């Protein structure tokens, strides 16, 4: 048997006591390129997870905003008011009356910073416009 060859599990022939095959036949250290590649792969996986989580949250916000708009439209149709929605970012909804020039009726809703819920910031239910027979959101259904 040659010096340094494994005799059997747990001992290495000819190198002294308390030397295990793992300590004598150690694996080579990673090169800088290998380390950089592993780190890059880790960051890519982390970015994919973050992007997936962001897309899920964005879809949830869109669903909530569509639900808010749907409820305001049904309320406007029942009462006879023509409500329109100002252009909003993904975390805000603003509904206003289309009938008067000074927009008496207004409801402003935005997302809370610390949670996924929305809160009403401004609500003025006072409405001085007359009932309308034509509504852009009304359908035959």
Protein backbone atom coordinates (compact mmCIF):
# COMPACT_ATOMS: atom_id res chain seq x y z
CA UNK A 1 0.00 0.00 0.00
CA UNK A 2 1.20 3.44 -0.85
CA UNK A 3 1.58 6.21 1.67
CA UNK A 4 -1.56 8.27 2.04
CA UNK A 5 -4.01 5.79 0.53
CA UNK A 6 -7.13 5.02 2.50
CA UNK A 7 -6.70 1.79 4.47
CA UNK A 8 -10.33 1.48 5.41
CA UNK A 9 -13.00 3.93 6.52
CA UNK A 10 -11.81 6.18 9.30
CA UNK A 11 -8.00 5.73 8.95
CA UNK A 12 -5.30 6.79 6.52
CA UNK A 13 -2.24 4.51 6.25
CA UNK A 14 1.12 5.96 7.34
CA UNK A 15 0.22 9.51 8.34
CA UNK A 16 -0.37 9.27 12.08
CA UNK A 17 -3.23 9.13 14.51
CA UNK A 18 -6.42 11.15 14.37
CA UNK A 19 -6.16 11.89 10.64
CA UNK A 20 -9.33 11.21 8.72
CA UNK A 21 -9.64 10.83 4.97
CA UNK A 22 -11.53 14.13 4.80
CA UNK A 23 -8.71 16.08 6.45
CA UNK A 24 -5.97 14.41 4.39
CA UNK A 25 -7.74 14.22 1.03
CA UNK A 26 -9.36 17.65 1.22
CA UNK A 27 -11.33 19.06 -1.68
CA UNK A 28 -9.77 21.98 -3.52
CA UNK A 29 -10.99 25.45 -2.55
CA UNK A 30 -13.38 27.26 -4.85
CA UNK A 31 -11.81 29.68 -7.28
CA UNK A 32 -12.86 33.31 -7.46
CA UNK A 33 -14.80 32.65 -10.66
CA UNK A 34 -16.69 29.73 -9.12
CA UNK A 35 -17.54 31.81 -6.06
CA UNK A 36 -18.72 34.70 -8.23
CA UNK A 37 -20.79 32.33 -10.37
CA UNK A 38 -22.49 30.82 -7.29
CA UNK A 39 -23.22 34.28 -5.91
CA UNK A 40 -24.60 35.40 -9.26
CA UNK A 41 -26.88 32.35 -9.40
CA UNK A 42 -28.10 33.09 -5.87
CA UNK A 43 -28.94 36.70 -6.81
CA UNK A 44 -30.73 35.59 -9.98
CA UNK A 45 -32.90 33.14 -8.01
CA UNK A 46 -33.62 35.79 -5.37
CA UNK A 47 -34.58 38.29 -8.09
CA UNK A 48 -36.96 35.76 -9.67
CA UNK A 49 -38.65 35.15 -6.30
CA UNK A 50 -38.97 38.89 -5.64
CA UNK A 51 -40.36 39.50 -9.12
CA UNK A 52 -42.91 36.71 -8.69
CA UNK A 53 -43.99 38.13 -5.32
CA UNK A 54 -44.26 41.65 -6.82
CA UNK A 55 -46.37 40.41 -9.75
CA UNK A 56 -48.68 38.58 -7.34
CA UNK A 57 -49.11 41.71 -5.20
CA UNK A 58 -49.72 43.89 -8.26
CA UNK A 59 -52.41 41.50 -9.52
CA UNK A 60 -54.05 41.54 -6.08
CA UNK A 61 -54.09 45.38 -6.02
CA UNK A 62 -55.64 45.48 -9.49
CA UNK A 63 -58.32 43.02 -8.39
CA UNK A 64 -59.14 45.12 -5.31
CA UNK A 65 -59.29 48.35 -7.32
CA UNK A 66 -61.56 46.76 -9.92
CA UNK A 67 -63.84 45.56 -7.11
CA UNK A 68 -64.00 49.09 -5.64
CA UNK A 69 -64.80 50.59 -9.04
CA UNK A 70 -67.44 47.94 -9.72
CA UNK A 71 -69.19 48.71 -6.42
CA UNK A 72 -69.13 52.49 -7.02
CA UNK A 73 -70.53 52.00 -10.53
CA UNK A 74 -73.39 49.81 -9.29
CA UNK A 75 -74.16 52.37 -6.58
CA UNK A 76 -74.12 55.19 -9.16
CA UNK A 77 -76.45 53.28 -11.50
CA UNK A 78 -78.93 52.56 -8.68
CA UNK A 79 -79.00 56.19 -7.50
CA UNK A 80 -78.96 57.64 -11.04
CA UNK A 81 -75.60 59.39 -10.94
CA UNK A 82 -72.94 59.23 -13.63
CA UNK A 83 -69.68 58.49 -11.79
CA UNK A 84 -66.28 58.57 -13.44
CA UNK A 85 -62.87 57.54 -12.18
CA UNK A 86 -59.87 59.80 -12.47
CA UNK A 87 -56.69 58.22 -13.76
CA UNK A 88 -55.08 56.48 -10.79
CA UNK A 89 -51.85 54.77 -9.91
CA UNK A 90 -52.08 51.12 -8.79
CA UNK A 91 -52.65 52.01 -5.14
CA UNK A 92 -55.30 54.80 -5.42
CA UNK A 93 -58.89 55.15 -6.64
CA UNK A 94 -60.77 58.43 -7.03
CA UNK A 95 -64.47 58.45 -7.96
CA UNK A 96 -66.24 61.71 -8.81
CA UNK A 97 -69.63 62.83 -10.07
CA UNK A 98 -69.72 63.70 -13.76
CA UNK A 99 -72.82 65.85 -13.50
CA UNK A 100 -71.69 69.09 -11.87
CA UNK A 101 -68.77 71.29 -12.83
CA UNK A 102 -67.44 71.58 -9.27
CA UNK A 103 -67.63 67.81 -8.55
CA UNK A 104 -69.77 67.75 -5.41
CA UNK A 105 -69.57 64.01 -4.89
CA UNK A 106 -66.07 62.57 -4.37
CA UNK A 107 -64.54 59.44 -2.86
CA UNK A 108 -60.77 59.02 -2.61
CA UNK A 109 -59.41 55.61 -1.57
CA UNK A 110 -55.77 54.61 -1.16
CA UNK A 111 -53.74 51.64 0.01
CA UNK A 112 -52.37 51.59 3.54
CA UNK A 113 -48.57 51.52 3.72
CA UNK A 114 -48.23 48.78 6.30
CA UNK A 115 -50.83 46.32 5.00
CA UNK A 116 -52.66 45.10 1.90
CA UNK A 117 -55.92 46.83 2.81
CA UNK A 118 -57.35 50.04 1.38
CA UNK A 119 -58.81 52.95 3.34
CA UNK A 120 -61.17 55.80 2.39
CA UNK A 121 -59.30 59.10 2.78
CA UNK A 122 -61.93 61.53 1.46
CA UNK A 123 -65.65 60.90 1.19
CA UNK A 124 -68.25 63.55 0.41
CA UNK A 125 -71.61 61.81 -0.18
CA UNK A 126 -73.46 65.10 -0.75
CA UNK A 127 -74.85 65.12 -4.27
CA UNK A 128 -76.76 68.05 -5.78
CA UNK A 129 -77.04 66.80 -9.36
CA UNK A 130 -80.34 65.55 -10.69
CA UNK A 131 -80.98 61.93 -11.60
CA UNK A 132 -79.69 60.97 -15.04
CA UNK A 133 -81.30 58.50 -17.42
CA UNK A 134 -78.07 57.87 -19.34
CA UNK A 135 -75.10 56.20 -17.68
CA UNK A 136 -71.93 55.11 -19.47
CA UNK A 137 -71.55 52.05 -17.24
CA UNK A 138 -75.15 50.80 -17.56
CA UNK A 139 -75.60 47.76 -19.80
CA UNK A 140 -78.60 45.72 -20.88
CA UNK A 141 -77.71 42.85 -18.52
